[in-house]
Protein backbone atom coordinates (compact mmCIF):
# COMPACT_ATOMS: atom_id res chain seq x y z
CA MET A 1 0.09 26.82 -38.23
CA SER A 2 2.29 30.25 -38.02
CA SER A 3 4.97 30.85 -40.87
CA ASN A 4 7.76 29.12 -38.47
CA GLY A 5 6.12 26.20 -38.18
CA ARG A 6 4.53 26.95 -34.53
CA LEU A 7 0.80 25.84 -33.92
CA ARG A 8 -0.01 29.67 -33.49
CA PRO A 9 -1.21 30.79 -30.40
CA LEU A 10 -5.25 30.20 -29.76
CA CYS A 11 -7.51 30.90 -27.27
CA ILE A 12 -11.69 30.81 -26.92
CA GLN A 13 -14.25 33.50 -26.16
CA VAL A 14 -17.22 31.89 -25.38
CA HIS A 15 -19.62 34.41 -25.00
CA ALA A 16 -19.03 38.64 -27.00
CA ARG A 17 -19.52 39.95 -23.43
CA ASP A 18 -16.90 37.55 -21.65
CA ASN A 19 -13.86 39.43 -20.13
CA VAL A 20 -11.72 36.60 -20.31
CA ALA A 21 -11.02 34.01 -22.81
CA ILE A 22 -9.62 29.74 -22.81
CA ILE A 23 -6.15 29.36 -23.57
CA VAL A 24 -6.85 26.39 -26.18
CA ASN A 25 -2.18 25.17 -27.16
CA GLU A 26 -1.45 22.19 -25.83
CA GLY A 27 1.16 23.02 -22.35
CA GLY A 28 -0.86 26.34 -22.46
CA LEU A 29 1.49 29.65 -23.62
CA PRO A 30 4.64 31.59 -22.35
CA ALA A 31 4.49 35.19 -21.39
CA GLY A 32 4.99 37.77 -24.61
CA ALA A 33 2.80 35.42 -26.65
CA GLN A 34 0.89 36.95 -28.88
CA LEU A 35 -2.69 36.20 -29.52
CA ASP A 36 -4.13 36.92 -33.48
CA ASN A 37 -6.40 39.13 -31.60
CA GLY A 38 -3.12 41.27 -31.40
CA LEU A 39 -3.64 40.57 -27.27
CA GLY A 40 0.32 39.68 -25.91
CA LEU A 41 0.11 37.63 -22.61
CA ILE A 42 1.57 38.80 -19.02
CA ASP A 43 1.79 35.83 -17.76
CA PRO A 44 2.73 32.19 -18.86
CA ILE A 45 -0.71 30.60 -19.09
CA PRO A 46 -1.77 26.83 -18.44
CA GLU A 47 -3.59 25.01 -21.34
CA ALA A 48 -7.33 25.34 -20.51
CA HIS A 49 -7.17 27.86 -18.27
CA LYS A 50 -8.18 32.12 -18.20
CA VAL A 51 -6.67 34.99 -20.04
CA ALA A 52 -7.67 38.89 -19.64
CA LEU A 53 -9.29 40.04 -22.53
CA CYS A 54 -9.01 43.57 -21.12
CA GLY A 55 -8.80 45.05 -17.43
CA ILE A 56 -10.50 44.14 -14.75
CA ALA A 57 -11.29 46.19 -11.58
CA ALA A 58 -10.91 44.94 -8.44
CA GLY A 59 -14.78 43.73 -6.87
CA GLU A 60 -15.83 43.89 -10.99
CA PRO A 61 -17.89 40.79 -12.86
CA ILE A 62 -15.34 37.76 -14.11
CA LEU A 63 -17.69 37.30 -17.00
CA ARG A 64 -17.49 33.64 -18.80
CA TYR A 65 -20.61 32.19 -20.68
CA GLY A 66 -22.06 35.63 -20.97
CA VAL A 67 -22.72 35.29 -16.75
CA THR A 68 -20.42 36.48 -14.24
CA ILE A 69 -18.25 32.92 -12.84
CA GLY A 70 -16.31 35.01 -10.14
CA TYR A 71 -14.76 39.14 -8.55
CA ALA A 72 -12.06 39.96 -8.94
CA GLU A 73 -10.02 40.53 -5.83
CA VAL A 74 -7.29 42.62 -7.34
CA PRO A 75 -6.78 44.54 -10.38
CA ILE A 76 -6.13 41.92 -13.25
CA ALA A 77 -4.36 43.62 -16.36
CA LYS A 78 -5.42 42.71 -19.37
CA GLY A 79 -2.97 39.80 -20.46
CA SER A 80 -2.62 38.53 -17.16
CA TRP A 81 -3.46 34.40 -15.85
CA VAL A 82 -7.23 35.03 -14.12
CA HIS A 83 -6.63 31.73 -11.66
CA GLU A 84 -8.63 31.25 -8.36
CA GLY A 85 -5.99 33.14 -6.55
CA VAL A 86 -7.09 36.60 -7.92
CA MET A 87 -10.49 35.72 -7.84
CA SER A 88 -13.90 34.83 -5.84
CA LEU A 89 -16.18 32.74 -6.07
CA PRO A 90 -20.36 34.00 -6.35
CA ALA A 91 -22.59 32.32 -3.53
CA PRO A 92 -23.99 29.11 -4.82
CA PRO A 93 -27.89 28.94 -5.08
CA PRO A 94 -29.77 27.70 -2.70
CA LEU A 95 -29.64 23.14 -3.03
CA GLU A 96 -33.81 23.04 -2.53
CA VAL A 97 -36.90 24.02 -4.55
CA PRO A 98 -38.62 26.60 -3.19
């Protein structure tokens, strides 16, 4: 809890290599919210959605759980909402076992 009685802005970074974290505050966070790590949010970010922990260039992998979960379709600024509209998903693995 912060000194003003509100819950402080919180996020979870699952793996040290991740370049995104998950916003865990109920209802999400507004643009301008400041996380404990000093990151300021550029966009309002819904609860359980991703925030860019650093700038991600177009074509670069988006890492969560230490693995690639997608690729940036456009440059994504640090503190921005990372969602399906700004990323493409990697090709799914084959369903059949060789």
